[in-house]
C-alpha atoms as a PDB file:
ATOM      1  CA  MET A   1       0.000   0.000   0.000  1.00  0.00           C
ATOM      2  CA  ASN A   2       1.373   3.375  -0.976  1.00  0.00           C
ATOM      3  CA  ASN A   3       1.230   5.754   1.981  1.00  0.00           C
ATOM      4  CA  GLU A   4       3.533   8.447   0.595  1.00  0.00           C
ATOM      5  CA  TRP A   5       1.967  11.895   0.290  1.00  0.00           C
ATOM      6  CA  GLN A   6       2.021  13.444  -3.186  1.00  0.00           C
ATOM      7  CA  ASP A   7       1.785  17.142  -4.003  1.00  0.00           C
ATOM      8  CA  LEU A   8      -1.499  18.143  -5.629  1.00  0.00           C
ATOM      9  CA  PRO A   9      -0.414  21.349  -7.387  1.00  0.00           C
ATOM     10  CA  ASN A  10      -3.698  22.410  -8.986  1.00  0.00           C
ATOM     11  CA  MET A  11      -7.482  22.073  -8.850  1.00  0.00           C
ATOM     12  CA  ARG A  12      -7.477  19.296 -11.460  1.00  0.00           C
ATOM     13  CA  ALA A  13      -5.035  17.164  -9.433  1.00  0.00           C
ATOM     14  CA  VAL A  14      -7.121  17.679  -6.272  1.00  0.00           C
ATOM     15  CA  SER A  15     -10.302  16.796  -8.186  1.00  0.00           C
ATOM     16  CA  VAL A  16      -8.814  13.593  -9.630  1.00  0.00           C
ATOM     17  CA  ALA A  17      -7.516  12.563  -6.193  1.00  0.00           C
ATOM     18  CA  GLN A  18     -10.889  13.267  -4.585  1.00  0.00           C
ATOM     19  CA  ASN A  19     -12.704  11.257  -7.277  1.00  0.00           C
ATOM     20  CA  SER A  20     -10.318   8.356  -6.618  1.00  0.00           C
ATOM     21  CA  GLY A  21     -11.158   8.360  -2.896  1.00  0.00           C
ATOM     22  CA  TRP A  22      -7.789   9.652  -1.774  1.00  0.00           C
ATOM     23  CA  GLU A  23      -7.068  11.257   1.571  1.00  0.00           C
ATOM     24  CA  ILE A  24      -6.406  14.953   0.929  1.00  0.00           C
ATOM     25  CA  GLU A  25      -4.809  17.471   3.269  1.00  0.00           C
ATOM     26  CA  VAL A  26      -4.380  21.235   3.051  1.00  0.00           C
ATOM     27  CA  PHE A  27      -1.514  23.190   4.602  1.00  0.00           C
ATOM     28  CA  SER A  28      -2.487  25.868   7.095  1.00  0.00           C
ATOM     29  CA  GLY A  29       0.457  28.154   7.810  1.00  0.00           C
ATOM     30  CA  ASN A  30       2.149  27.504  11.139  1.00  0.00           C
ATOM     31  CA  ASP A  31      -0.449  24.922  12.164  1.00  0.00           C
ATOM     32  CA  GLY A  32       0.655  22.277   9.642  1.00  0.00           C
ATOM     33  CA  TRP A  33      -1.449  19.855   7.615  1.00  0.00           C
ATOM     34  CA  PHE A  34      -5.173  19.270   8.167  1.00  0.00           C
ATOM     35  CA  PRO A  35      -7.712  16.991   6.460  1.00  0.00           C
ATOM     36  CA  TRP A  36      -9.380  18.837   3.585  1.00  0.00           C
ATOM     37  CA  GLU A  37     -13.152  19.059   3.976  1.00  0.00           C
ATOM     38  CA  GLY A  38     -13.633  18.792   0.236  1.00  0.00           C
ATOM     39  CA  ASN A  39     -16.031  21.669  -0.268  1.00  0.00           C
ATOM     40  CA  ILE A  40     -13.845  24.769  -0.808  1.00  0.00           C
ATOM     41  CA  TRP A  41     -10.926  25.271  -3.199  1.00  0.00           C
ATOM     42  CA  ALA A  42      -8.414  28.016  -2.460  1.00  0.00           C
ATOM     43  CA  SER A  43      -6.011  28.736  -5.331  1.00  0.00           C
ATOM     44  CA  GLY A  44      -3.255  29.928  -2.966  1.00  0.00           C
ATOM     45  CA  ALA A  45      -3.436  26.918  -0.656  1.00  0.00           C
ATOM     46  CA  THR A  46      -1.073  23.939  -0.734  1.00  0.00           C
ATOM     47  CA  TYR A  47      -2.659  20.481  -1.069  1.00  0.00           C
ATOM     48  CA  ARG A  48      -1.308  16.967  -0.854  1.00  0.00           C
ATOM     49  CA  GLY A  49      -2.903  13.534  -1.144  1.00  0.00           C
ATOM     50  CA  ARG A  50      -2.353   9.799  -0.921  1.00  0.00           C
ATOM     51  CA  PRO A  51      -4.422   6.717  -1.665  1.00  0.00           C
ATOM     52  CA  ALA A  52      -6.912   5.946   1.106  1.00  0.00           C
ATOM     53  CA  GLN A  53      -5.310   3.942   3.900  1.00  0.00           C
ATOM     54  CA  PRO A  54      -6.986   0.887   5.410  1.00  0.00           C
ATOM     55  CA  ALA A  55      -8.910   1.572   8.611  1.00  0.00           C
ATOM     56  CA  LYS A  56      -7.051   0.346  11.679  1.00  0.00           C
ATOM     57  CA  ILE A  57      -8.134  -0.600  15.168  1.00  0.00           C
ATOM     58  CA  THR A  58      -6.109  -1.142  18.336  1.00  0.00           C
ATOM     59  CA  VAL A  59      -6.274  -4.623  19.840  1.00  0.00           C
ATOM     60  CA  THR A  60      -4.748  -6.238  22.908  1.00  0.00           C
ATOM     61  CA  SER A  61      -3.784  -9.881  23.303  1.00  0.00           C
ATOM     62  CA  GLU A  62      -3.628 -11.043  26.930  1.00  0.00           C
ATOM     63  CA  CYS A  63      -0.656 -13.168  27.907  1.00  0.00           C
ATOM     64  CA  TRP A  64      -1.064 -16.388  29.928  1.00  0.00           C
ATOM     65  CA  ARG A  65       1.787 -18.440  31.414  1.00  0.00           C
ATOM     66  CA  ALA A  66       1.647 -22.199  31.935  1.00  0.00           C
ATOM     67  CA  ILE A  67       2.243 -23.092  35.587  1.00  0.00           C
ATOM     68  CA  SER A  68       3.888 -26.394  34.616  1.00  0.00           C
ATOM     69  CA  ASP A  69       6.604 -25.275  32.198  1.00  0.00           C
ATOM     70  CA  GLY A  70       6.382 -21.474  31.795  1.00  0.00           C
ATOM     71  CA  SER A  71       5.280 -21.550  28.161  1.00  0.00           C
ATOM     72  CA  LEU A  72       3.267 -18.537  27.029  1.00  0.00           C
ATOM     73  CA  LEU A  73      -0.098 -18.191  25.278  1.00  0.00           C
ATOM     74  CA  TRP A  74      -1.882 -15.065  23.972  1.00  0.00           C
ATOM     75  CA  LEU A  75      -5.676 -14.833  23.859  1.00  0.00           C
ATOM     76  CA  LYS A  76      -8.461 -12.302  23.366  1.00  0.00           C
ATOM     77  CA  PRO A  77      -9.109 -10.241  26.508  1.00  0.00           C
ATOM     78  CA  ASP A  78     -11.333 -11.850  29.140  1.00  0.00           C
ATOM     79  CA  ARG A  79     -11.263 -15.237  27.424  1.00  0.00           C
ATOM     80  CA  GLY A  80      -9.148 -17.027  30.021  1.00  0.00           C
ATOM     81  CA  ALA A  81      -6.853 -19.984  29.397  1.00  0.00           C
ATOM     82  CA  GLY A  82      -8.334 -22.301  31.997  1.00  0.00           C
ATOM     83  CA  PHE A  83      -6.802 -24.615  34.565  1.00  0.00           C
ATOM     84  CA  GLY A  84      -3.005 -24.730  34.654  1.00  0.00           C
ATOM     85  CA  TRP A  85      -2.523 -21.216  33.317  1.00  0.00           C
ATOM     86  CA  LYS A  86      -1.882 -17.978  35.160  1.00  0.00           C
ATOM     87  CA  ARG A  87      -2.372 -14.427  33.827  1.00  0.00           C
ATOM     88  CA  PHE A  88       0.918 -12.702  32.947  1.00  0.00           C
ATOM     89  CA  PRO A  89      -0.013  -9.020  32.290  1.00  0.00           C
ATOM     90  CA  ALA A  90       3.591  -7.950  31.659  1.00  0.00           C
ATOM     91  CA  GLY A  91       3.497 -10.054  28.478  1.00  0.00           C
ATOM     92  CA  ASP A  92       0.343  -8.451  27.024  1.00  0.00           C
ATOM     93  CA  ILE A  93       0.723  -7.178  23.461  1.00  0.00           C
ATOM     94  CA  THR A  94      -1.144  -4.131  22.144  1.00  0.00           C
ATOM     95  CA  GLY A  95      -0.970  -3.080  18.525  1.00  0.00           C
ATOM     96  CA  GLU A  96      -2.830  -1.826  15.478  1.00  0.00           C
ATOM     97  CA  VAL A  97      -4.368  -4.130  12.873  1.00  0.00           C
ATOM     98  CA  GLU A  98      -6.381  -3.477   9.737  1.00  0.00           C
ATOM     99  CA  GLU A  99     -10.081  -3.446  10.422  1.00  0.00           C
END
């Protein structure tokens, strides 16, 4: 997936990007880049775009440790590993995945 921003130097480039479903941002002086609302074109503004990125969500996998041999297992939160396993919160993994 291409996530590199590309300059959109004119109204035509912005229009083509918008029609293609791209994410478009406009530069606002000292405040930096902001998502473009898509309803006003300003000829003096600076625009950039990139192909739409996949939606992401944050998930956590809970870590469980086997009492017998110390092996580890990761499960969905609140699922529980059952008898012979003990929760090991220090081993939890949190990260982003595509929705």
